[in-house]
């Protein structure tokens, strides 16, 4: 099975295939990559082998939003983490994302929100239009901590990576196996890389996405297909689009689309639709399918946005999620190993909480690890396992609730227009449940403890 993982006789956990994606390269990333890249000789001496054995306090697998944010959180409590990234540069899949107030509170705690707020404006209102009936449901975000802001994904990643030392990310580090070894009477995780390097750590955090090898090692079930897929893109209007700063959504049977301005010339848009067996990969064909097949009956305004798409930003991927009961009852940590972000709780995008909840994870995990580290003045392996258990306890039900809420939100909004679904959607969902949804996206994940001698800045979002 593609991407499958299996246990091999020596007790290690072997990944048979690595998942690829599209990444961006920065000058700083190139410098980091050159610093860390290892070339394997044909014969490895004992001396060379020793050089390839690394020891770190904390190792994070994956340099996406969850991985970088977790590294920033650990840095702020006095711990430098090593991030292992399989690509040769930072992951930039996806042109943009919408960050709700809970994400901005997390970015406040990480000390990076001020690097983004001056460039992006809040959407204080929105609307959901039923394409079949023409009914419009108005939504107000006033009073919800400023409302959501949509940002370039690249800008968020850059803001996070700027907070880290230059040698924090080891690129081209393809992760092949995990094993636990006894050291000083306790078990510590050891990561094996494709180039022969082994990395011992006192804590291992899997932020390696939906197809997480660390999650599989923990015994979590594989995410399943929701039956839907999503197209995302960024549209550019060189002369300006002239639209208000509002989130516009359109729903039809089995389909949902929307857009939100990033600035006066760029608009982030999406479309979710039934999953196709043979999804297009060519950007021009993706755009053509959206305009002529999936959104042909949608308002002309949405179609005009799609026609202005920067083809290089278009992606089309299946929507996957983990069963919420697997998050509630499954092993989200084992000893000094845990997961965060999509590796823990992949969800559909219907509440816009994938990236937001990953930022929450980073702060909560940093707080629990930091409290242990600061209390003991060092890493204590036994206490670190308890810290991870505390993190899991705090995040388990929150994550399961977001998975469930996202799935139900998409199902209700995209179902038919018969009287029963209309009642569920208009009277129950928008009339009652939507307020609870808004409460979920203004959740405050808390702050980070201060490491001895470190003064945390209090840069808050406006």
Protein backbone atom coordinates (compact mmCIF):
# COMPACT_ATOMS: atom_id res chain seq x y z
CA UNK A 1 0.00 0.00 0.00
CA UNK A 2 1.39 3.42 -0.95
CA UNK A 3 2.72 5.36 2.02
CA UNK A 4 2.16 2.40 4.34
CA UNK A 5 4.35 1.83 7.36
CA UNK A 6 5.28 -1.46 8.95
CA UNK A 7 7.07 -2.90 11.94
CA UNK A 8 10.29 -4.71 11.08
CA UNK A 9 11.87 -7.48 13.18
CA UNK A 10 14.28 -5.32 15.20
CA UNK A 11 11.38 -3.35 16.69
CA UNK A 12 11.93 -0.19 14.66
CA UNK A 13 9.11 1.44 12.74
CA UNK A 14 9.79 1.61 9.03
CA UNK A 15 8.18 3.94 6.52
CA UNK A 16 8.08 2.49 3.03
CA UNK A 17 7.36 5.68 1.11
CA UNK A 18 7.71 9.42 1.67
CA UNK A 19 4.96 11.79 0.67
CA UNK A 20 5.95 14.66 -1.57
CA UNK A 21 4.66 18.20 -1.80
CA UNK A 22 5.61 21.60 -3.16
CA UNK A 23 7.96 23.75 -1.17
CA UNK A 24 9.48 27.20 -1.27
CA UNK A 25 13.17 28.05 -0.95
CA UNK A 26 14.67 31.02 0.83
CA UNK A 27 18.26 32.24 0.97
CA UNK A 28 18.30 31.49 4.67
CA UNK A 29 16.95 28.04 3.98
CA UNK A 30 19.73 27.39 1.46
CA UNK A 31 22.31 28.35 4.06
CA UNK A 32 20.71 26.02 6.59
CA UNK A 33 20.54 23.25 4.02
CA UNK A 34 24.22 23.63 3.12
CA UNK A 35 25.19 23.61 6.76
CA UNK A 36 23.32 20.42 7.56
CA UNK A 37 23.61 18.32 4.40
CA UNK A 38 25.63 15.11 4.82
CA UNK A 39 27.27 13.17 2.00
CA UNK A 40 27.57 9.44 2.55
CA UNK A 41 30.89 7.83 1.63
CA UNK A 42 30.81 4.39 0.00
CA UNK A 43 32.32 2.89 3.16
CA UNK A 44 31.49 4.32 6.56
CA UNK A 45 34.22 4.20 9.17
CA UNK A 46 33.55 4.11 12.90
CA UNK A 47 34.69 7.73 13.06
CA UNK A 48 32.24 8.76 10.30
CA UNK A 49 29.47 6.77 11.98
CA UNK A 50 29.98 8.66 15.24
CA UNK A 51 29.63 11.95 13.38
CA UNK A 52 26.30 10.77 12.05
CA UNK A 53 24.89 10.13 15.50
CA UNK A 54 23.25 13.30 16.77
CA UNK A 55 21.89 14.00 20.26
CA UNK A 56 19.24 16.68 20.79
CA UNK A 57 17.02 17.75 23.67
CA UNK A 58 13.95 18.05 21.42
CA UNK A 59 13.34 16.82 17.88
CA UNK A 60 10.38 17.90 15.76
CA UNK A 61 9.49 16.02 12.58
CA UNK A 62 8.11 18.40 9.95
CA UNK A 63 8.66 22.10 9.22
CA UNK A 64 5.08 23.10 8.51
CA UNK A 65 2.96 25.44 10.63
CA UNK A 66 2.73 23.03 13.57
CA UNK A 67 6.44 22.16 13.53
CA UNK A 68 7.75 25.71 13.25
CA UNK A 69 5.26 27.05 15.82
CA UNK A 70 6.20 24.29 18.28
CA UNK A 71 9.89 25.11 17.84
CA UNK A 72 9.14 28.79 18.54
CA UNK A 73 7.15 27.85 21.66
CA UNK A 74 10.02 25.69 22.95
CA UNK A 75 12.55 28.44 22.23
CA UNK A 76 10.54 30.86 24.33
CA UNK A 77 10.74 28.50 27.32
CA UNK A 78 14.49 28.05 26.91
CA UNK A 79 14.69 24.92 24.71
CA UNK A 80 16.24 24.77 21.25
CA UNK A 81 14.63 22.11 19.08
CA UNK A 82 15.94 20.50 15.91
CA UNK A 83 13.37 20.28 13.12
CA UNK A 84 13.77 17.45 10.61
CA UNK A 85 12.23 18.34 7.25
CA UNK A 86 12.12 15.84 4.39
CA UNK A 87 12.05 18.54 1.71
CA UNK A 88 14.93 20.75 0.64
CA UNK A 89 13.07 23.91 1.69
CA UNK A 90 10.17 25.21 3.76
CA UNK A 91 6.77 23.70 2.98
CA UNK A 92 4.52 26.25 1.28
CA UNK A 93 1.70 24.08 -0.04
CA UNK A 94 -1.39 26.26 -0.13
CA UNK A 95 -1.42 29.92 -1.05
CA UNK A 96 -3.19 31.34 1.99
CA UNK A 97 -5.26 30.49 5.03
CA UNK A 98 -7.75 32.23 7.29
CA UNK A 99 -6.71 32.72 10.89
CA UNK A 100 -9.54 33.16 13.38
CA UNK A 101 -9.16 34.90 16.77
CA UNK A 102 -8.01 31.69 18.50
CA UNK A 103 -5.03 31.56 16.12
CA UNK A 104 -4.13 35.20 16.78
CA UNK A 105 -4.21 34.57 20.52
CA UNK A 106 -1.79 31.69 19.96
CA UNK A 107 0.44 33.91 17.81
CA UNK A 108 0.36 36.49 20.62
CA UNK A 109 1.66 33.83 23.00
CA UNK A 110 4.38 32.89 20.49
CA UNK A 111 5.38 36.54 20.14
CA UNK A 112 4.95 36.78 16.37
CA UNK A 113 1.47 38.23 15.78
CA UNK A 114 2.83 41.77 15.39
CA UNK A 115 4.82 40.64 12.34
CA UNK A 116 1.57 39.95 10.46
CA UNK A 117 -1.20 42.18 11.79
CA UNK A 118 0.02 45.36 10.09
CA UNK A 119 -0.25 43.71 6.66
CA UNK A 120 -3.67 42.05 6.94
CA UNK A 121 -7.13 43.38 7.83
CA UNK A 122 -9.95 41.70 9.72
CA UNK A 123 -13.15 40.58 8.04
CA UNK A 124 -15.90 41.90 10.29
CA UNK A 125 -18.76 40.43 8.31
CA UNK A 126 -19.58 37.63 5.92
CA UNK A 127 -22.43 35.92 4.13
CA UNK A 128 -23.50 32.45 3.01
CA UNK A 129 -25.61 32.30 -0.16
CA UNK A 130 -27.66 29.23 -1.07
CA UNK A 131 -27.12 28.97 -4.82
CA UNK A 132 -30.32 26.96 -5.41
CA UNK A 133 -32.73 29.20 -3.48
CA UNK A 134 -30.93 32.53 -3.45
CA UNK A 135 -31.34 32.78 0.34
CA UNK A 136 -28.55 34.73 2.04
CA UNK A 137 -27.47 34.25 5.64
CA UNK A 138 -25.56 37.28 6.97
CA UNK A 139 -22.80 36.72 9.51
CA UNK A 140 -21.24 39.30 11.82
CA UNK A 141 -17.81 38.86 13.38
CA UNK A 142 -18.01 42.11 15.35
CA UNK A 143 -17.30 41.45 19.03
CA UNK A 144 -15.33 38.28 18.30
CA UNK A 145 -11.88 39.65 19.12
CA UNK A 146 -11.55 41.51 15.85
CA UNK A 147 -12.74 38.85 13.44
CA UNK A 148 -10.69 36.55 11.20
CA UNK A 149 -7.78 37.66 9.03
CA UNK A 150 -6.65 35.78 5.93
CA UNK A 151 -2.88 35.70 5.40
CA UNK A 152 -0.39 34.34 2.90
CA UNK A 153 0.84 30.95 4.13
CA UNK A 154 4.37 31.90 3.14
CA UNK A 155 4.18 35.03 5.33
CA UNK A 156 3.12 32.97 8.35
CA UNK A 157 5.93 30.46 7.84
CA UNK A 158 8.47 33.26 7.44
CA UNK A 159 7.26 34.99 10.60
CA UNK A 160 7.74 31.77 12.55
CA UNK A 161 11.11 30.81 11.07
CA UNK A 162 12.52 34.28 11.72
CA UNK A 163 12.14 33.60 15.44
CA UNK A 164 14.39 30.52 15.26
CA UNK A 165 18.19 30.16 15.16
CA UNK A 166 19.60 29.61 11.66
CA UNK A 167 20.50 25.98 12.35
CA UNK A 168 17.07 24.97 13.64
CA UNK A 169 15.90 23.18 10.49
CA UNK A 170 17.73 20.22 8.95
CA UNK A 171 16.44 19.95 5.40
CA UNK A 172 16.55 16.91 3.12
CA UNK A 173 16.15 14.74 6.21
CA UNK A 174 13.94 11.87 5.11
CA UNK A 175 12.57 10.07 8.11
CA UNK A 176 12.63 6.26 7.86
CA UNK A 177 12.26 4.73 11.34
CA UNK A 178 11.66 5.31 15.05
CA UNK A 179 12.89 3.10 17.85
CA UNK A 180 13.05 3.36 21.63
CA UNK A 181 16.38 2.64 23.33
CA UNK A 182 17.28 2.30 26.98
CA UNK A 183 19.52 5.04 28.33
CA UNK A 184 20.15 5.71 31.99
CA UNK A 185 17.26 3.52 33.05
CA UNK A 186 14.72 5.26 30.81
CA UNK A 187 13.60 4.85 27.21
CA UNK A 188 14.38 7.62 24.75
CA UNK A 189 13.30 7.92 21.10
CA UNK A 190 15.82 7.52 18.30
CA UNK A 191 15.01 8.69 14.78
CA UNK A 192 16.68 7.06 11.77
CA UNK A 193 17.11 9.08 8.57
CA UNK A 194 17.52 7.88 5.02
CA UNK A 195 21.12 9.17 4.79
CA UNK A 196 22.15 6.94 7.69
CA UNK A 197 21.99 9.60 10.39
CA UNK A 198 20.47 8.70 13.76
CA UNK A 199 19.12 11.36 16.09
CA UNK A 200 18.58 10.68 19.78
CA UNK A 201 16.28 13.03 21.65
CA UNK A 202 14.69 13.49 25.04
CA UNK A 203 11.37 14.35 23.42
CA UNK A 204 10.10 13.62 19.90
CA UNK A 205 7.20 15.58 18.41
CA UNK A 206 5.57 14.47 15.17
CA UNK A 207 4.34 17.41 13.11
CA UNK A 208 4.60 15.44 9.89
CA UNK A 209 1.12 16.03 8.54
CA UNK A 210 -1.90 13.94 7.61
CA UNK A 211 0.19 10.90 6.65
CA UNK A 212 2.25 11.10 9.85
CA UNK A 213 4.70 8.28 10.47
CA UNK A 214 4.91 9.31 14.13
CA UNK A 215 1.11 9.00 14.47
CA UNK A 216 1.26 5.53 12.93
CA UNK A 217 4.03 4.57 15.34
CA UNK A 218 1.79 5.69 18.22
CA UNK A 219 -0.91 3.38 16.89
CA UNK A 220 -3.40 6.00 15.68
CA UNK A 221 -5.66 4.88 12.87
CA UNK A 222 -5.00 6.24 9.41
CA UNK A 223 -7.10 9.26 8.40
CA UNK A 224 -9.97 8.44 6.07
CA UNK A 225 -11.33 10.18 2.99
CA UNK A 226 -14.33 12.41 3.62
CA UNK A 227 -15.68 11.82 0.12
CA UNK A 228 -14.93 15.43 -0.79
CA UNK A 229 -12.00 17.27 -2.30
CA UNK A 230 -10.92 20.90 -2.26
CA UNK A 231 -9.51 23.33 -4.79
CA UNK A 232 -7.66 26.33 -3.40
CA UNK A 233 -6.08 29.27 -5.15
CA UNK A 234 -5.00 32.89 -5.10
CA UNK A 235 -6.38 35.38 -7.62
CA UNK A 236 -4.61 38.57 -8.60
CA UNK A 237 -6.20 41.81 -9.81
CA UNK A 238 -3.32 44.16 -10.78
CA UNK A 239 -5.62 47.19 -10.93
CA UNK A 240 -7.42 46.26 -7.70
CA UNK A 241 -10.53 44.17 -7.12
CA UNK A 242 -12.64 46.83 -5.37
CA UNK A 243 -14.32 44.34 -3.02
CA UNK A 244 -15.07 44.85 0.66
CA UNK A 245 -13.13 42.99 3.36
CA UNK A 246 -15.72 40.27 3.93
CA UNK A 247 -15.92 36.48 3.70
CA UNK A 248 -18.32 35.44 0.94
CA UNK A 249 -19.49 31.81 0.76
CA UNK A 250 -21.79 29.98 -1.65
CA UNK A 251 -23.35 26.57 -1.02
CA UNK A 252 -25.10 24.11 -3.30
CA UNK A 253 -25.88 20.40 -3.03
CA UNK A 254 -22.53 18.73 -2.36
CA UNK A 255 -20.54 21.89 -3.09
CA UNK A 256 -19.31 24.91 -1.17
CA UNK A 257 -17.16 27.80 -2.36
CA UNK A 258 -15.98 31.12 -1.05
CA UNK A 259 -13.46 33.89 -1.19
CA UNK A 260 -11.92 36.58 1.00
CA UNK A 261 -9.58 39.44 0.05
CA UNK A 262 -6.01 39.31 1.38
CA UNK A 263 -5.37 42.90 0.33
CA UNK A 264 -6.64 45.29 -2.35
CA UNK A 265 -5.17 43.21 -5.21
CA UNK A 266 -5.25 39.58 -4.06
CA UNK A 267 -8.14 37.28 -3.19
CA UNK A 268 -7.93 33.83 -1.60
CA UNK A 269 -10.64 31.44 -2.77
CA UNK A 270 -11.67 27.80 -2.38
CA UNK A 271 -14.15 25.25 -3.63
CA UNK A 272 -15.08 21.91 -2.03
CA UNK A 273 -16.85 19.30 -4.12
CA UNK A 274 -17.38 15.53 -4.31
CA UNK A 275 -14.09 13.69 -4.57
CA UNK A 276 -13.02 12.66 -8.05
CA UNK A 277 -11.11 9.46 -8.74
CA UNK A 278 -8.93 11.23 -11.29
CA UNK A 279 -8.40 14.73 -9.97
CA UNK A 280 -6.64 17.07 -12.36
CA UNK A 281 -3.06 18.12 -11.64
CA UNK A 282 -2.57 20.60 -14.48
CA UNK A 283 -3.44 24.11 -13.15
CA UNK A 284 -5.17 25.20 -16.36
CA UNK A 285 -7.36 22.10 -16.32
CA UNK A 286 -8.16 22.63 -12.62
CA UNK A 287 -9.32 26.17 -13.36
CA UNK A 288 -11.36 24.95 -16.35
CA UNK A 289 -13.04 22.20 -14.27
CA UNK A 290 -14.01 24.69 -11.56
CA UNK A 291 -15.47 27.26 -13.95
CA UNK A 292 -17.21 24.90 -16.39
CA UNK A 293 -18.21 21.96 -14.20
CA UNK A 294 -18.30 22.52 -10.45
CA UNK A 295 -19.19 26.21 -10.17
CA UNK A 296 -21.02 26.83 -13.43
CA UNK A 297 -24.21 27.78 -11.56
CA UNK A 298 -22.45 29.88 -8.95
CA UNK A 299 -22.66 33.70 -8.98
CA UNK A 300 -20.66 35.45 -11.70
CA UNK A 301 -18.62 37.25 -9.03
CA UNK A 302 -17.12 33.97 -7.82
CA UNK A 303 -16.45 32.80 -11.38
CA UNK A 304 -14.67 36.08 -12.12
CA UNK A 305 -12.44 35.56 -9.09
CA UNK A 306 -11.54 32.06 -10.29
CA UNK A 307 -10.74 33.33 -13.80
CA UNK A 308 -8.15 35.69 -12.29
CA UNK A 309 -6.36 32.85 -10.49
CA UNK A 310 -2.58 32.74 -10.42
CA UNK A 311 -2.28 29.25 -11.89
CA UNK A 312 0.91 28.50 -9.93
CA UNK A 313 -1.09 28.66 -6.68
CA UNK A 314 -3.84 26.19 -7.61
CA UNK A 315 -4.05 22.93 -5.67
CA UNK A 316 -6.63 20.15 -5.73
CA UNK A 317 -6.51 17.55 -2.98
CA UNK A 318 -8.82 15.10 -1.18
CA UNK A 319 -10.18 16.15 2.20
CA UNK A 320 -9.25 13.73 4.96
CA UNK A 321 -9.97 13.48 8.67
CA UNK A 322 -9.33 11.23 11.63
CA UNK A 323 -12.23 9.62 13.46
CA UNK A 324 -12.86 11.79 16.55
CA UNK A 325 -13.14 8.72 18.79
CA UNK A 326 -9.64 7.73 17.74
CA UNK A 327 -8.44 11.10 19.03
CA UNK A 328 -10.43 10.67 22.25
CA UNK A 329 -9.41 7.08 23.00
CA UNK A 330 -6.22 6.62 20.98
CA UNK A 331 -2.60 6.97 22.08
CA UNK A 332 -1.70 10.58 21.36
CA UNK A 333 1.54 10.14 23.30
CA UNK A 334 3.74 7.25 24.32
CA UNK A 335 6.59 7.93 26.71
CA UNK A 336 8.44 10.96 25.36
CA UNK A 337 6.79 10.90 21.93
CA UNK A 338 3.70 12.83 20.82
CA UNK A 339 2.09 14.52 17.81
CA UNK A 340 0.65 17.94 16.96
CA UNK A 341 -1.24 19.62 14.13
CA UNK A 342 -2.52 17.47 11.27
CA UNK A 343 -0.47 14.56 12.58
CA UNK A 344 -2.85 14.50 15.56
CA UNK A 345 -6.16 15.81 14.27
CA UNK A 346 -6.59 16.12 10.49
CA UNK A 347 -9.99 17.71 9.82
CA UNK A 348 -12.05 19.08 6.96
CA UNK A 349 -11.68 22.85 6.35
CA UNK A 350 -15.32 23.76 6.97
CA UNK A 351 -14.56 25.72 10.16
CA UNK A 352 -11.17 26.95 8.97
CA UNK A 353 -9.47 25.44 12.02
CA UNK A 354 -6.67 23.25 10.63
CA UNK A 355 -3.89 25.82 10.89
CA UNK A 356 -5.52 27.60 13.83
CA UNK A 357 -5.64 24.45 15.98
CA UNK A 358 -2.03 23.63 15.04
CA UNK A 359 -0.97 26.97 16.53
CA UNK A 360 -2.98 26.18 19.66
CA UNK A 361 -1.21 22.81 19.92
CA UNK A 362 2.18 24.52 19.78
CA UNK A 363 1.41 26.85 22.68
CA UNK A 364 -0.15 24.16 24.89
CA UNK A 365 2.68 21.71 24.20
CA UNK A 366 5.28 24.41 24.82
CA UNK A 367 3.62 25.27 28.12
CA UNK A 368 3.59 21.71 29.45
CA UNK A 369 7.15 20.94 28.33
CA UNK A 370 8.32 24.35 29.52
CA UNK A 371 6.81 23.97 32.98
CA UNK A 372 8.66 20.67 33.43
CA UNK A 373 11.92 22.03 32.04
CA UNK A 374 11.84 25.21 34.12
CA UNK A 375 10.81 23.39 37.31
CA UNK A 376 13.66 20.87 37.04
CA UNK A 377 16.21 23.16 35.42
CA UNK A 378 16.80 20.47 32.79
CA UNK A 379 15.10 17.66 30.89
CA UNK A 380 13.98 14.87 33.22
CA UNK A 381 12.79 12.01 31.04
CA UNK A 382 10.24 10.62 33.49
CA UNK A 383 8.75 14.05 34.13
CA UNK A 384 8.72 14.82 30.40
CA UNK A 385 6.43 11.84 29.77
CA UNK A 386 4.03 13.28 32.36
CA UNK A 387 4.24 16.68 30.66
CA UNK A 388 3.21 15.14 27.35
CA UNK A 389 0.32 13.35 29.05
CA UNK A 390 -0.83 16.72 30.39
CA UNK A 391 -0.66 18.21 26.91
CA UNK A 392 -2.68 15.33 25.47
CA UNK A 393 -5.28 15.61 28.22
CA UNK A 394 -5.72 19.32 27.48
CA UNK A 395 -5.94 18.92 23.71
CA UNK A 396 -7.79 15.62 23.23
CA UNK A 397 -11.41 16.77 23.60
CA UNK A 398 -10.80 20.15 22.00
CA UNK A 399 -9.34 18.48 18.89
CA UNK A 400 -12.12 15.87 18.69
CA UNK A 401 -14.73 18.61 18.97
CA UNK A 402 -13.19 20.59 16.11
CA UNK A 403 -13.03 17.49 13.89
CA UNK A 404 -16.70 16.74 14.58
CA UNK A 405 -17.85 20.35 14.25
CA UNK A 406 -16.00 20.83 10.97
CA UNK A 407 -17.44 17.68 9.43
CA UNK A 408 -21.02 18.43 10.54
CA UNK A 409 -20.75 22.05 9.42
CA UNK A 410 -19.77 20.98 5.92
CA UNK A 411 -22.45 18.28 5.78
CA UNK A 412 -25.28 20.57 6.89
CA UNK A 413 -24.32 23.48 4.64
CA UNK A 414 -23.83 21.36 1.51
CA UNK A 415 -26.85 19.08 1.86
CA UNK A 416 -30.04 19.44 -0.17
CA UNK A 417 -32.73 22.10 -0.04
CA UNK A 418 -35.69 19.96 1.06
CA UNK A 419 -37.70 21.20 4.02
CA UNK A 420 -35.90 18.96 6.52
CA UNK A 421 -32.40 20.06 5.56
CA UNK A 422 -33.58 23.66 5.31
CA UNK A 423 -34.86 23.39 8.88
CA UNK A 424 -31.59 21.86 10.08
CA UNK A 425 -29.51 24.47 8.30
CA UNK A 426 -31.51 27.65 8.96
CA UNK A 427 -33.20 26.96 12.30
CA UNK A 428 -30.76 24.63 14.02
CA UNK A 429 -27.33 25.37 12.56
CA UNK A 430 -27.50 29.12 11.91
CA UNK A 431 -30.13 29.81 14.55
CA UNK A 432 -28.48 27.92 17.41
CA UNK A 433 -25.28 26.01 16.67
CA UNK A 434 -23.48 28.76 14.78
CA UNK A 435 -23.08 30.80 17.97
CA UNK A 436 -21.30 27.85 19.55
CA UNK A 437 -19.12 27.61 16.45
CA UNK A 438 -18.11 31.24 16.93
CA UNK A 439 -17.24 30.46 20.55
CA UNK A 440 -14.96 27.68 19.33
CA UNK A 441 -12.97 30.05 17.13
CA UNK A 442 -12.36 32.61 19.89
CA UNK A 443 -10.88 29.96 22.20
CA UNK A 444 -7.86 31.14 24.22
CA UNK A 445 -5.15 28.47 24.47
CA UNK A 446 -3.28 30.40 27.18
CA UNK A 447 0.28 31.67 27.45
CA UNK A 448 3.80 30.32 27.80
CA UNK A 449 5.90 30.31 30.97
CA UNK A 450 9.02 32.47 30.93
CA UNK A 451 12.40 30.79 31.00
CA UNK A 452 14.74 32.10 33.74
CA UNK A 453 16.28 35.36 32.61
CA UNK A 454 14.07 35.68 29.54
CA UNK A 455 11.72 38.62 29.14
CA UNK A 456 8.77 37.86 26.89
CA UNK A 457 7.50 40.71 24.77
CA UNK A 458 3.80 41.45 24.91
CA UNK A 459 3.09 42.08 21.25
CA UNK A 460 -0.66 41.76 20.96
CA UNK A 461 -2.92 41.82 17.95
CA UNK A 462 -5.05 44.88 17.52
